[in-house]
Amino acid sequence: MAGAEGLFDHLASGATTVCRAWAVTRKDGVVFGFTDHDRDLAFEGVSFRASTGLTASALQQSTGLSVSNAEAFGALSDAAVTEADLLAGRFDGAEVRAWLVNWRDVADRFLQFAGSFGEITRAGGAFRAELRGLTEDLNQPQGRSYLKSCSAVLGDAKCRMNLGLPGYAVEVPVEEVSEGRVFRVAGLTGIAERWFEKGRARLLSGVGRGAVGIVKHDQIGGAGRIVELWQPIDLRVAAGDLLRLEAGCDKSEETCRGKFNNFLNFRGFPHVPGEDWLISYPVSARVNDGGSRMR
């Protein structure tokens, strides 16, 4: 008898040969397998490696909609999870599945946990990842906030802006880099200065591939362009690495209409009265019929 029932029968026998195994699937589709057993295991098309040093705290789960509470610990190594992967955000939100498995017969196993990575920290050559259960999504705020500015992210499903249109996103090689946050690139003629301010800068190649920063300053200097990020990318960036720059959006009505011609998808409420409206009073020189203030 295989599966969960086979494992339960094995546990009831008194002499057990069980271990734990984890499968981590990143958003880019790369799958990692870990086990706390002293030999590699394989099932469900995943190879679970024993040399990774990953372990996890005891799972604390309850009935109802309570959020699962657990953590995973592991060593940073070239064979498994690297510091560069964590810094580039490649494990952010990764899907996690954890089994209790009979290592003598891996067909006898039970899925104990399914969820994703939450907050990830690193120190002393190791990492610690919070495990969030499937009910975590039910703990997220729902609904919209009524603000003057847009609540969408440029280019997402709500914004619907096509960043593939000419001028809104460019890919250029880095010529020089300073402090991990100031980049000099060549070309980009015909694009106005400060066009990329408040936009995203994403590394497409090199050690820092996938790392994203927000543009603080975008200036034309000499024969090139100087792009400065708010925070440095904590990975080695070298000349020749490919950088993708996306046009900046300050989420205002004017920018959405004039810069992106996308006001039909504007997700803000520019006509919401400000706080001064709360203390306003009738004035005889104005119309006070209770109608719209936008005339």
Protein backbone atom coordinates (compact mmCIF):
# COMPACT_ATOMS: atom_id res chain seq x y z
CA MET A 1 0.00 0.00 0.00
CA ALA A 2 1.59 3.23 -1.16
CA GLY A 3 0.95 6.87 -0.46
CA ALA A 4 -0.27 8.38 2.80
CA GLU A 5 -1.91 5.16 4.00
CA GLY A 6 1.31 3.25 3.42
CA LEU A 7 3.23 5.82 5.44
CA PHE A 8 0.69 5.70 8.28
CA ASP A 9 1.01 1.90 8.42
CA HIS A 10 4.79 2.30 8.48
CA LEU A 11 4.58 4.79 11.37
CA ALA A 12 2.29 2.42 13.28
CA SER A 13 4.88 -0.35 13.02
CA GLY A 14 7.06 1.29 15.68
CA ALA A 15 10.39 1.03 13.81
CA THR A 16 10.40 3.86 11.30
CA THR A 17 12.70 5.07 8.53
CA VAL A 18 11.31 8.49 7.75
CA CYS A 19 12.78 11.82 6.73
CA ARG A 20 11.56 15.10 5.33
CA ALA A 21 11.83 16.40 1.77
CA TRP A 22 11.13 19.81 0.29
CA ALA A 23 10.55 20.92 -3.29
CA VAL A 24 11.04 24.62 -4.02
CA THR A 25 9.80 25.96 -7.36
CA ARG A 26 10.93 29.46 -8.27
CA LYS A 27 8.77 31.76 -10.36
CA ASP A 28 11.14 31.28 -13.29
CA GLY A 29 10.32 27.56 -13.24
CA VAL A 30 13.60 26.30 -11.74
CA VAL A 31 12.96 23.49 -9.22
CA PHE A 32 15.17 22.62 -6.24
CA GLY A 33 14.85 19.50 -4.09
CA PHE A 34 16.16 19.21 -0.52
CA THR A 35 16.08 16.48 2.11
CA ASP A 36 17.40 16.07 5.65
CA HIS A 37 18.21 12.43 4.93
CA ASP A 38 21.87 11.43 4.41
CA ARG A 39 21.22 10.16 0.88
CA ASP A 40 19.59 11.72 -2.18
CA LEU A 41 15.96 10.82 -2.88
CA ALA A 42 13.85 11.10 -6.02
CA PHE A 43 10.09 11.15 -6.61
CA GLU A 44 7.53 13.19 -8.52
CA GLY A 45 10.19 14.08 -11.06
CA VAL A 46 12.31 15.94 -8.48
CA SER A 47 15.76 14.99 -7.18
CA PHE A 48 15.99 15.77 -3.45
CA ARG A 49 19.63 16.40 -2.54
CA ALA A 50 21.04 15.53 0.85
CA SER A 51 24.14 17.75 0.55
CA THR A 52 22.30 21.07 0.68
CA GLY A 53 22.09 21.39 4.45
CA LEU A 54 18.47 22.54 4.41
CA THR A 55 16.27 21.86 7.42
CA ALA A 56 13.03 23.27 8.80
CA SER A 57 11.35 23.96 12.10
CA ALA A 58 8.41 21.88 13.22
CA LEU A 59 5.26 22.72 11.31
CA GLN A 60 2.57 24.40 13.36
CA GLN A 61 -0.76 23.96 11.61
CA SER A 62 -4.31 24.14 12.84
CA THR A 63 -7.79 23.61 11.52
CA GLY A 64 -9.79 26.47 10.07
CA LEU A 65 -8.19 29.42 8.25
CA SER A 66 -5.23 30.03 10.57
CA VAL A 67 -2.00 30.81 8.76
CA SER A 68 0.62 28.05 8.92
CA ASN A 69 3.75 28.97 10.87
CA ALA A 70 7.12 27.49 9.94
CA GLU A 71 10.62 28.39 8.84
CA ALA A 72 13.28 26.81 6.65
CA PHE A 73 17.00 27.10 7.32
CA GLY A 74 19.88 26.34 5.01
CA ALA A 75 23.47 27.03 4.07
CA LEU A 76 24.35 29.24 1.12
CA SER A 77 26.32 27.21 -1.41
CA ASP A 78 26.98 27.05 -5.13
CA ALA A 79 25.28 23.65 -5.24
CA ALA A 80 21.94 24.87 -3.90
CA VAL A 81 20.82 28.36 -2.87
CA THR A 82 23.39 31.06 -3.57
CA GLU A 83 23.63 34.52 -2.09
CA ALA A 84 23.37 35.96 -5.60
CA ASP A 85 20.04 34.17 -6.10
CA LEU A 86 18.64 35.62 -2.87
CA LEU A 87 19.88 39.16 -3.59
CA ALA A 88 18.40 39.05 -7.09
CA GLY A 89 15.03 38.02 -5.65
CA ARG A 90 14.89 34.73 -7.54
CA PHE A 91 13.45 32.89 -4.53
CA ASP A 92 10.90 35.57 -3.61
CA GLY A 93 7.44 34.00 -3.43
CA ALA A 94 8.77 30.59 -4.51
CA GLU A 95 6.31 27.69 -4.19
CA VAL A 96 7.17 25.21 -1.42
CA ARG A 97 5.96 21.65 -0.84
CA ALA A 98 7.12 19.52 2.11
CA TRP A 99 6.67 15.79 2.59
CA LEU A 100 7.23 13.27 5.34
CA VAL A 101 8.60 10.28 3.44
CA ASN A 102 9.79 6.76 4.10
CA TRP A 103 13.30 6.81 2.66
CA ARG A 104 13.32 3.02 2.21
CA ASP A 105 10.25 3.27 -0.04
CA VAL A 106 9.58 6.83 -1.24
CA ALA A 107 6.15 5.77 -2.50
CA ASP A 108 5.09 5.93 1.16
CA ARG A 109 4.90 9.68 1.75
CA PHE A 110 2.55 12.35 3.01
CA LEU A 111 2.37 15.98 1.89
CA GLN A 112 2.62 17.97 5.14
CA PHE A 113 2.86 21.49 3.82
CA ALA A 114 2.10 23.50 0.69
CA GLY A 115 2.68 27.22 0.45
CA SER A 116 5.40 29.68 -0.46
CA PHE A 117 8.46 31.50 0.82
CA GLY A 118 7.77 34.69 2.74
CA GLU A 119 10.46 36.92 4.22
CA ILE A 120 14.00 35.70 3.52
CA THR A 121 17.02 36.81 5.56
CA ARG A 122 20.67 35.86 5.31
CA ALA A 123 23.64 36.04 7.68
CA GLY A 124 26.83 34.15 8.39
CA GLY A 125 26.76 32.14 5.18
CA ALA A 126 23.23 30.86 5.81
CA PHE A 127 19.67 31.87 5.04
CA ARG A 128 16.37 31.73 6.88
CA ALA A 129 13.07 31.68 4.98
CA GLU A 130 9.60 32.11 6.39
CA LEU A 131 7.11 29.52 5.12
CA ARG A 132 3.63 30.83 4.42
CA GLY A 133 0.69 28.47 4.00
CA LEU A 134 -1.98 28.60 1.33
CA THR A 135 -4.31 30.48 3.68
CA GLU A 136 -1.88 33.44 3.68
CA ASP A 137 -3.69 34.84 0.62
CA LEU A 138 -6.85 35.14 2.72
CA ASN A 139 -4.93 37.38 5.12
CA GLN A 140 -4.24 40.02 2.47
CA PRO A 141 -6.14 43.35 2.30
CA GLN A 142 -8.91 43.32 -0.27
CA GLY A 143 -10.61 46.12 -2.15
CA ARG A 144 -9.34 49.46 -3.43
CA SER A 145 -8.11 52.63 -1.75
CA TYR A 146 -9.63 55.90 -2.93
CA LEU A 147 -6.64 58.10 -3.68
CA LYS A 148 -5.93 60.84 -6.18
CA SER A 149 -2.90 58.96 -7.49
CA CYS A 150 -3.01 55.73 -9.48
CA SER A 151 -2.83 52.46 -7.52
CA ALA A 152 -1.59 50.32 -10.43
CA VAL A 153 1.99 49.39 -11.25
CA LEU A 154 3.13 50.58 -14.64
CA GLY A 155 2.65 47.79 -17.16
CA ASP A 156 0.66 45.41 -14.91
CA ALA A 157 -2.76 43.89 -15.65
CA LYS A 158 -4.57 46.89 -14.16
CA CYS A 159 -2.48 49.53 -15.89
CA ARG A 160 -2.46 47.70 -19.26
CA MET A 161 0.26 50.00 -20.57
CA ASN A 162 2.24 48.28 -23.30
CA LEU A 163 5.87 48.90 -22.40
CA GLY A 164 6.87 47.27 -25.66
CA LEU A 165 5.97 50.45 -27.53
CA PRO A 166 9.01 52.40 -28.81
CA GLY A 167 10.63 54.62 -26.19
CA TYR A 168 8.92 53.22 -23.10
CA ALA A 169 11.48 50.49 -22.40
CA VAL A 170 15.01 50.15 -23.72
CA GLU A 171 17.77 47.58 -23.27
CA VAL A 172 21.32 48.92 -23.24
CA PRO A 173 24.70 47.57 -22.07
CA VAL A 174 26.30 49.13 -19.01
CA GLU A 175 29.49 51.06 -19.83
CA GLU A 176 30.51 52.05 -16.30
CA VAL A 177 29.14 51.36 -12.83
CA SER A 178 29.86 53.08 -9.52
CA GLU A 179 28.82 51.95 -6.01
CA GLY A 180 26.38 49.47 -7.54
CA ARG A 181 23.80 52.18 -8.17
CA VAL A 182 25.19 54.70 -10.67
CA PHE A 183 25.30 53.44 -14.25
CA ARG A 184 26.61 55.12 -17.37
CA VAL A 185 25.11 53.92 -20.64
CA ALA A 186 25.60 55.04 -24.21
CA GLY A 187 23.08 55.96 -26.88
CA LEU A 188 19.42 56.66 -26.01
CA THR A 189 19.47 59.74 -28.20
CA GLY A 190 16.11 61.36 -28.74
CA ILE A 191 14.81 60.36 -25.28
CA ALA A 192 14.22 63.33 -23.00
CA GLU A 193 16.26 63.81 -19.85
CA ARG A 194 14.59 62.50 -16.66
CA TRP A 195 12.39 60.24 -18.81
CA PHE A 196 13.29 57.18 -16.72
CA GLU A 197 13.08 58.80 -13.26
CA LYS A 198 10.79 56.78 -10.93
CA GLY A 199 10.98 53.95 -13.44
CA ARG A 200 12.45 50.48 -13.02
CA ALA A 201 15.95 49.35 -13.94
CA ARG A 202 16.34 45.58 -14.35
CA LEU A 203 19.55 43.65 -14.98
CA LEU A 204 19.07 41.12 -17.76
CA SER A 205 22.50 39.47 -17.69
CA GLY A 206 25.52 38.94 -15.49
CA VAL A 207 25.71 37.85 -11.86
CA GLY A 208 22.92 40.22 -10.88
CA ARG A 209 20.48 38.97 -13.53
CA GLY A 210 16.94 39.66 -12.34
CA ALA A 211 17.84 42.36 -9.81
CA VAL A 212 15.53 45.39 -9.96
CA GLY A 213 16.06 48.96 -8.77
CA ILE A 214 14.08 52.20 -8.90
CA VAL A 215 15.60 55.11 -10.82
CA LYS A 216 16.32 58.20 -8.73
CA HIS A 217 18.04 60.42 -11.32
CA ASP A 218 18.23 60.21 -15.08
CA GLN A 219 20.63 62.71 -16.62
CA ILE A 220 22.32 63.21 -19.96
CA GLY A 221 26.04 63.60 -19.40
CA GLY A 222 28.69 63.92 -22.09
CA ALA A 223 28.30 61.31 -24.80
CA GLY A 224 26.15 59.06 -22.66
CA ARG A 225 23.51 58.92 -20.01
CA ILE A 226 23.85 58.60 -16.23
CA VAL A 227 21.20 56.58 -14.41
CA GLU A 228 21.26 56.57 -10.59
CA LEU A 229 19.20 54.21 -8.45
CA TRP A 230 17.76 54.93 -5.03
CA GLN A 231 19.52 51.91 -3.54
CA PRO A 232 22.56 49.97 -4.75
CA ILE A 233 22.22 46.52 -6.24
CA ASP A 234 24.05 44.25 -3.78
CA LEU A 235 25.56 42.18 -6.54
CA ARG A 236 28.61 42.64 -8.69
CA VAL A 237 27.62 44.53 -11.85
CA ALA A 238 30.21 44.63 -14.62
CA ALA A 239 30.61 46.62 -17.80
CA GLY A 240 28.78 44.89 -20.62
CA ASP A 241 25.88 43.64 -18.45
CA LEU A 242 22.56 44.30 -20.16
CA LEU A 243 20.28 46.80 -18.41
CA ARG A 244 16.57 47.31 -19.13
CA LEU A 245 15.23 50.79 -18.38
CA GLU A 246 11.50 51.45 -18.16
CA ALA A 247 9.90 54.88 -18.39
CA GLY A 248 9.10 56.44 -15.03
CA CYS A 249 5.57 57.10 -13.79
CA ASP A 250 4.68 59.36 -10.86
CA LYS A 251 1.12 57.93 -10.86
CA SER A 252 -0.48 61.32 -11.52
CA GLU A 253 -3.35 62.03 -13.88
CA GLU A 254 -1.21 64.41 -15.95
CA THR A 255 1.56 61.85 -16.49
CA CYS A 256 -0.86 59.07 -17.36
CA ARG A 257 -2.61 61.25 -19.90
CA GLY A 258 0.32 63.14 -21.40
CA LYS A 259 3.30 60.77 -21.15
CA PHE A 260 1.62 57.41 -21.64
CA ASN A 261 -1.71 58.28 -23.33
CA ASN A 262 -3.30 55.73 -21.01
CA PHE A 263 -5.87 57.71 -19.05
CA LEU A 264 -8.65 55.22 -19.86
CA ASN A 265 -6.85 52.78 -17.52
CA PHE A 266 -6.01 55.32 -14.82
CA ARG A 267 -6.67 53.67 -11.45
CA GLY A 268 -6.78 56.78 -9.29
CA PHE A 269 -9.54 59.23 -8.36
CA PRO A 270 -8.25 62.69 -9.31
CA HIS A 271 -11.52 64.41 -8.38
CA VAL A 272 -11.66 63.18 -4.79
CA PRO A 273 -11.89 66.29 -2.54
CA GLY A 274 -8.89 67.00 -0.36
CA GLU A 275 -8.87 67.36 3.41
CA ASP A 276 -9.55 71.11 3.14
CA TRP A 277 -13.00 70.25 1.80
CA LEU A 278 -13.95 68.92 5.25
CA ILE A 279 -13.67 72.37 6.80
CA SER A 280 -15.14 74.31 3.87
CA TYR A 281 -18.27 76.45 4.31
CA PRO A 282 -20.88 77.99 1.97
CA VAL A 283 -19.83 81.14 0.15
CA SER A 284 -22.44 83.42 -1.35
CA ALA A 285 -20.32 84.00 -4.46
CA ARG A 286 -20.47 80.28 -5.36
CA VAL A 287 -23.26 77.97 -6.37
CA ASN A 288 -24.42 76.03 -3.29
CA ASP A 289 -26.90 73.57 -4.75
CA GLY A 290 -25.17 70.39 -3.62
CA GLY A 291 -24.18 69.47 -7.17
CA SER A 292 -20.85 68.36 -8.57
CA ARG A 293 -17.80 70.47 -7.69
CA MET A 294 -16.19 69.59 -11.02
CA ARG A 295 -17.89 72.01 -13.45
